[in-house]
PDB file of N, CA and C in Angstrom:
ATOM      1  N   MET A   1      81.083 -82.344 123.846  1.00  0.00           N
ATOM      2  CA  MET A   1      82.310 -83.028 123.487  1.00  0.00           C
ATOM      3  C   MET A   1      82.397 -83.062 121.967  1.00  0.00           C
ATOM      4  N   SER A   2      83.553 -82.703 121.456  1.00  0.00           N
ATOM      5  CA  SER A   2      83.749 -82.682 120.012  1.00  0.00           C
ATOM      6  C   SER A   2      83.862 -84.104 119.468  1.00  0.00           C
ATOM      7  N   VAL A   3      83.700 -84.243 118.164  1.00  0.00           N
ATOM      8  CA  VAL A   3      83.818 -85.549 117.512  1.00  0.00           C
ATOM      9  C   VAL A   3      85.213 -86.117 117.733  1.00  0.00           C
ATOM     10  N   LYS A   4      86.218 -85.270 117.599  1.00  0.00           N
ATOM     11  CA  LYS A   4      87.605 -85.711 117.789  1.00  0.00           C
ATOM     12  C   LYS A   4      87.820 -86.225 119.213  1.00  0.00           C
ATOM     13  N   GLU A   5      87.299 -85.479 120.190  1.00  0.00           N
ATOM     14  CA  GLU A   5      87.437 -85.898 121.586  1.00  0.00           C
ATOM     15  C   GLU A   5      86.643 -87.177 121.847  1.00  0.00           C
ATOM     16  N   ASN A   6      85.480 -87.314 121.228  1.00  0.00           N
ATOM     17  CA  ASN A   6      84.655 -88.509 121.384  1.00  0.00           C
ATOM     18  C   ASN A   6      85.384 -89.742 120.853  1.00  0.00           C
ATOM     19  N   ILE A   7      86.036 -89.618 119.711  1.00  0.00           N
ATOM     20  CA  ILE A   7      86.811 -90.730 119.141  1.00  0.00           C
ATOM     21  C   ILE A   7      87.951 -91.095 120.084  1.00  0.00           C
ATOM     22  N   TYR A   8      88.613 -90.088 120.627  1.00  0.00           N
ATOM     23  CA  TYR A   8      89.716 -90.317 121.569  1.00  0.00           C
ATOM     24  C   TYR A   8      89.217 -91.070 122.803  1.00  0.00           C
ATOM     25  N   VAL A   9      88.106 -90.626 123.371  1.00  0.00           N
ATOM     26  CA  VAL A   9      87.568 -91.245 124.582  1.00  0.00           C
ATOM     27  C   VAL A   9      87.157 -92.684 124.317  1.00  0.00           C
ATOM     28  N   ASN A  10      86.595 -92.962 123.147  1.00  0.00           N
ATOM     29  CA  ASN A  10      86.168 -94.321 122.824  1.00  0.00           C
ATOM     30  C   ASN A  10      87.335 -95.294 122.740  1.00  0.00           C
ATOM     31  N   CYS A  11      88.527 -94.812 122.515  1.00  0.00           N
ATOM     32  CA  CYS A  11      89.710 -95.667 122.404  1.00  0.00           C
ATOM     33  C   CYS A  11      90.378 -95.918 123.756  1.00  0.00           C
ATOM     34  N   LEU A  12      89.945 -95.235 124.792  1.00  0.00           N
ATOM     35  CA  LEU A  12      90.574 -95.372 126.099  1.00  0.00           C
ATOM     36  C   LEU A  12      90.058 -96.598 126.842  1.00  0.00           C
ATOM     37  N   PRO A  13      90.915 -97.208 127.680  1.00  0.00           N
ATOM     38  CA  PRO A  13      90.430 -98.258 128.572  1.00  0.00           C
ATOM     39  C   PRO A  13      89.398 -97.677 129.552  1.00  0.00           C
ATOM     40  N   LEU A  14      88.590 -98.536 130.122  1.00  0.00           N
ATOM     41  CA  LEU A  14      87.464 -98.110 130.954  1.00  0.00           C
ATOM     42  C   LEU A  14      87.883 -97.208 132.121  1.00  0.00           C
ATOM     43  N   LYS A  15      88.942 -97.556 132.833  1.00  0.00           N
ATOM     44  CA  LYS A  15      89.379 -96.728 133.971  1.00  0.00           C
ATOM     45  C   LYS A  15      89.782 -95.332 133.514  1.00  0.00           C
ATOM     46  N   GLU A  16      90.420 -95.248 132.366  1.00  0.00           N
ATOM     47  CA  GLU A  16      90.821 -93.937 131.839  1.00  0.00           C
ATOM     48  C   GLU A  16      89.607 -93.136 131.391  1.00  0.00           C
ATOM     49  N   LYS A  17      88.598 -93.804 130.839  1.00  0.00           N
ATOM     50  CA  LYS A  17      87.363 -93.110 130.464  1.00  0.00           C
ATOM     51  C   LYS A  17      86.698 -92.524 131.703  1.00  0.00           C
ATOM     52  N   ILE A  18      86.666 -93.321 132.779  1.00  0.00           N
ATOM     53  CA  ILE A  18      86.064 -92.850 134.028  1.00  0.00           C
ATOM     54  C   ILE A  18      86.789 -91.601 134.513  1.00  0.00           C
ATOM     55  N   GLU A  19      88.094 -91.644 134.528  1.00  0.00           N
ATOM     56  CA  GLU A  19      88.887 -90.497 134.989  1.00  0.00           C
ATOM     57  C   GLU A  19      88.670 -89.281 134.081  1.00  0.00           C
ATOM     58  N   HIS A  20      88.617 -89.520 132.773  1.00  0.00           N
ATOM     59  CA  HIS A  20      88.395 -88.431 131.813  1.00  0.00           C
ATOM     60  C   HIS A  20      87.045 -87.756 132.068  1.00  0.00           C
ATOM     61  N   PHE A  21      85.970 -88.548 132.185  1.00  0.00           N
ATOM     62  CA  PHE A  21      84.641 -87.973 132.394  1.00  0.00           C
ATOM     63  C   PHE A  21      84.537 -87.306 133.762  1.00  0.00           C
ATOM     64  N   ARG A  22      85.210 -87.861 134.763  1.00  0.00           N
ATOM     65  CA  ARG A  22      85.211 -87.261 136.090  1.00  0.00           C
ATOM     66  C   ARG A  22      85.831 -85.862 136.035  1.00  0.00           C
ATOM     67  N   ASN A  23      86.995 -85.765 135.414  1.00  0.00           N
ATOM     68  CA  ASN A  23      87.666 -84.463 135.301  1.00  0.00           C
ATOM     69  C   ASN A  23      86.854 -83.482 134.465  1.00  0.00           C
ATOM     70  N   LEU A  24      86.293 -83.960 133.369  1.00  0.00           N
ATOM     71  CA  LEU A  24      85.482 -83.110 132.494  1.00  0.00           C
ATOM     72  C   LEU A  24      84.231 -82.623 133.218  1.00  0.00           C
ATOM     73  N   MET A  25      83.592 -83.508 133.981  1.00  0.00           N
ATOM     74  CA  MET A  25      82.397 -83.135 134.734  1.00  0.00           C
ATOM     75  C   MET A  25      82.728 -82.067 135.779  1.00  0.00           C
ATOM     76  N   ILE A  26      83.823 -82.251 136.499  1.00  0.00           N
ATOM     77  CA  ILE A  26      84.213 -81.275 137.521  1.00  0.00           C
ATOM     78  C   ILE A  26      84.522 -79.929 136.880  1.00  0.00           C
ATOM     79  N   ARG A  27      85.289 -79.949 135.798  1.00  0.00           N
ATOM     80  CA  ARG A  27      85.641 -78.700 135.114  1.00  0.00           C
ATOM     81  C   ARG A  27      84.389 -77.996 134.586  1.00  0.00           C
ATOM     82  N   THR A  28      83.496 -78.757 133.965  1.00  0.00           N
ATOM     83  CA  THR A  28      82.264 -78.177 133.430  1.00  0.00           C
ATOM     84  C   THR A  28      81.399 -77.631 134.558  1.00  0.00           C
ATOM     85  N   GLY A  29      81.319 -78.372 135.653  1.00  0.00           N
ATOM     86  CA  GLY A  29      80.542 -77.914 136.801  1.00  0.00           C
ATOM     87  C   GLY A  29      81.068 -76.609 137.369  1.00  0.00           C
ATOM     88  N   MET A  30      82.381 -76.484 137.444  1.00  0.00           N
ATOM     89  CA  MET A  30      82.988 -75.257 137.976  1.00  0.00           C
ATOM     90  C   MET A  30      82.763 -74.072 137.034  1.00  0.00           C
ATOM     91  N   GLU A  31      82.780 -74.345 135.728  1.00  0.00           N
ATOM     92  CA  GLU A  31      82.633 -73.268 134.744  1.00  0.00           C
ATOM     93  C   GLU A  31      81.175 -72.938 134.436  1.00  0.00           C
ATOM     94  N   GLU A  32      80.346 -73.967 134.309  1.00  0.00           N
ATOM     95  CA  GLU A  32      78.965 -73.777 133.848  1.00  0.00           C
ATOM     96  C   GLU A  32      77.937 -73.866 134.981  1.00  0.00           C
ATOM     97  N   GLY A  33      78.339 -74.452 136.100  1.00  0.00           N
ATOM     98  CA  GLY A  33      77.415 -74.674 137.216  1.00  0.00           C
ATOM     99  C   GLY A  33      77.067 -76.155 137.315  1.00  0.00           C
ATOM    100  N   PHE A  34      76.870 -76.605 138.549  1.00  0.00           N
ATOM    101  CA  PHE A  34      76.641 -78.034 138.758  1.00  0.00           C
ATOM    102  C   PHE A  34      75.234 -78.482 138.385  1.00  0.00           C
ATOM    103  N   SER A  35      74.320 -77.547 138.174  1.00  0.00           N
ATOM    104  CA  SER A  35      72.980 -77.924 137.726  1.00  0.00           C
ATOM    105  C   SER A  35      72.799 -77.678 136.223  1.00  0.00           C
ATOM    106  N   ASN A  36      73.874 -77.293 135.542  1.00  0.00           N
ATOM    107  CA  ASN A  36      73.840 -77.077 134.095  1.00  0.00           C
ATOM    108  C   ASN A  36      73.582 -78.404 133.381  1.00  0.00           C
ATOM    109  N   PRO A  37      72.757 -78.406 132.335  1.00  0.00           N
ATOM    110  CA  PRO A  37      72.466 -79.652 131.608  1.00  0.00           C
ATOM    111  C   PRO A  37      73.712 -80.394 131.117  1.00  0.00           C
ATOM    112  N   LYS A  38      74.757 -79.660 130.703  1.00  0.00           N
ATOM    113  CA  LYS A  38      75.995 -80.320 130.254  1.00  0.00           C
ATOM    114  C   LYS A  38      76.638 -81.095 131.403  1.00  0.00           C
ATOM    115  N   THR A  39      76.680 -80.465 132.574  1.00  0.00           N
ATOM    116  CA  THR A  39      77.277 -81.101 133.748  1.00  0.00           C
ATOM    117  C   THR A  39      76.477 -82.334 134.144  1.00  0.00           C
ATOM    118  N   ILE A  40      75.171 -82.221 134.111  1.00  0.00           N
ATOM    119  CA  ILE A  40      74.304 -83.350 134.467  1.00  0.00           C
ATOM    120  C   ILE A  40      74.488 -84.495 133.481  1.00  0.00           C
ATOM    121  N   GLU A  41      74.578 -84.179 132.199  1.00  0.00           N
ATOM    122  CA  GLU A  41      74.797 -85.218 131.187  1.00  0.00           C
ATOM    123  C   GLU A  41      76.138 -85.925 131.412  1.00  0.00           C
ATOM    124  N   LEU A  42      77.170 -85.161 131.712  1.00  0.00           N
ATOM    125  CA  LEU A  42      78.478 -85.762 131.991  1.00  0.00           C
ATOM    126  C   LEU A  42      78.418 -86.637 133.237  1.00  0.00           C
ATOM    127  N   SER A  43      77.680 -86.194 134.235  1.00  0.00           N
ATOM    128  CA  SER A  43      77.515 -86.974 135.460  1.00  0.00           C
ATOM    129  C   SER A  43      76.810 -88.299 135.164  1.00  0.00           C
ATOM    130  N   GLN A  44      75.800 -88.258 134.318  1.00  0.00           N
ATOM    131  CA  GLN A  44      75.083 -89.481 133.940  1.00  0.00           C
ATOM    132  C   GLN A  44      75.984 -90.415 133.140  1.00  0.00           C
ATOM    133  N   ASN A  45      76.803 -89.855 132.255  1.00  0.00           N
ATOM    134  CA  ASN A  45      77.768 -90.675 131.513  1.00  0.00           C
ATOM    135  C   ASN A  45      78.750 -91.334 132.472  1.00  0.00           C
ATOM    136  N   LEU A  46      79.210 -90.574 133.444  1.00  0.00           N
ATOM    137  CA  LEU A  46      80.131 -91.108 134.444  1.00  0.00           C
ATOM    138  C   LEU A  46      79.458 -92.220 135.248  1.00  0.00           C
ATOM    139  N   ASP A  47      78.214 -92.013 135.640  1.00  0.00           N
ATOM    140  CA  ASP A  47      77.472 -93.057 136.360  1.00  0.00           C
ATOM    141  C   ASP A  47      77.421 -94.347 135.554  1.00  0.00           C
ATOM    142  N   ASN A  48      77.119 -94.232 134.265  1.00  0.00           N
ATOM    143  CA  ASN A  48      77.038 -95.417 133.399  1.00  0.00           C
ATOM    144  C   ASN A  48      78.382 -96.126 133.289  1.00  0.00           C
ATOM    145  N   LEU A  49      79.454 -95.361 133.178  1.00  0.00           N
ATOM    146  CA  LEU A  49      80.789 -95.961 133.112  1.00  0.00           C
ATOM    147  C   LEU A  49      81.139 -96.670 134.417  1.00  0.00           C
ATOM    148  N   LEU A  50      80.769 -96.070 135.540  1.00  0.00           N
ATOM    149  CA  LEU A  50      81.042 -96.696 136.834  1.00  0.00           C
ATOM    150  C   LEU A  50      80.256 -97.996 136.994  1.00  0.00           C
ATOM    151  N   ILE A  51      79.013 -97.994 136.558  1.00  0.00           N
ATOM    152  CA  ILE A  51      78.205 -99.218 136.598  1.00  0.00           C
ATOM    153  C   ILE A  51      78.857-100.292 135.743  1.00  0.00           C
ATOM    154  N   GLU A  52      79.260 -99.914 134.532  1.00  0.00           N
ATOM    155  CA  GLU A  52      79.936-100.857 133.634  1.00  0.00           C
ATOM    156  C   GLU A  52      81.207-101.403 134.285  1.00  0.00           C
ATOM    157  N   TYR A  53      81.974-100.528 134.912  1.00  0.00           N
ATOM    158  CA  TYR A  53      83.220-100.935 135.568  1.00  0.00           C
ATOM    159  C   TYR A  53      82.944-101.958 136.672  1.00  0.00           C
ATOM    160  N   PHE A  54      81.946-101.682 137.511  1.00  0.00           N
ATOM    161  CA  PHE A  54      81.653-102.594 138.618  1.00  0.00           C
ATOM    162  C   PHE A  54      81.104-103.930 138.125  1.00  0.00           C
ATOM    163  N   ILE A  55      80.355-103.924 137.029  1.00  0.00           N
ATOM    164  CA  ILE A  55      79.869-105.179 136.443  1.00  0.00           C
ATOM    165  C   ILE A  55      81.045-106.003 135.936  1.00  0.00           C
ATOM    166  N   VAL A  56      81.949-105.360 135.216  1.00  0.00           N
ATOM    167  CA  VAL A  56      83.128-106.058 134.686  1.00  0.00           C
ATOM    168  C   VAL A  56      83.990-106.581 135.832  1.00  0.00           C
ATOM    169  N   LYS A  57      84.176-105.753 136.839  1.00  0.00           N
ATOM    170  CA  LYS A  57      85.015-106.146 137.977  1.00  0.00           C
ATOM    171  C   LYS A  57      84.400-107.323 138.737  1.00  0.00           C
ATOM    172  N   LYS A  58      83.085-107.316 138.871  1.00  0.00           N
ATOM    173  CA  LYS A  58      82.386-108.392 139.586  1.00  0.00           C
ATOM    174  C   LYS A  58      82.535-109.722 138.850  1.00  0.00           C
ATOM    175  N   LYS A  59      82.536-109.671 137.521  1.00  0.00           N
ATOM    176  CA  LYS A  59      82.652-110.886 136.709  1.00  0.00           C
ATOM    177  C   LYS A  59      84.060-111.470 136.745  1.00  0.00           C
ATOM    178  N   SER A  60      85.050-110.640 137.029  1.00  0.00           N
ATOM    179  CA  SER A  60      86.432-111.141 136.981  1.00  0.00           C
ATOM    180  C   SER A  60      86.916-111.654 138.320  1.00  0.00           C
TER     181      SER A  60
END
């Protein structure tokens, strides 16, 4: 992910970040392979965002 894209993603609300990483992970997986380190890293980022989302949702 480029610096410009990283800044953009950091400004998004949590649900939009989840959707962004989900789409990026799927696209990367289709292009690079689902066991590619980039795809795995994106999957881990998505997992962390989902955990954060469920924690926030549970508190509200």
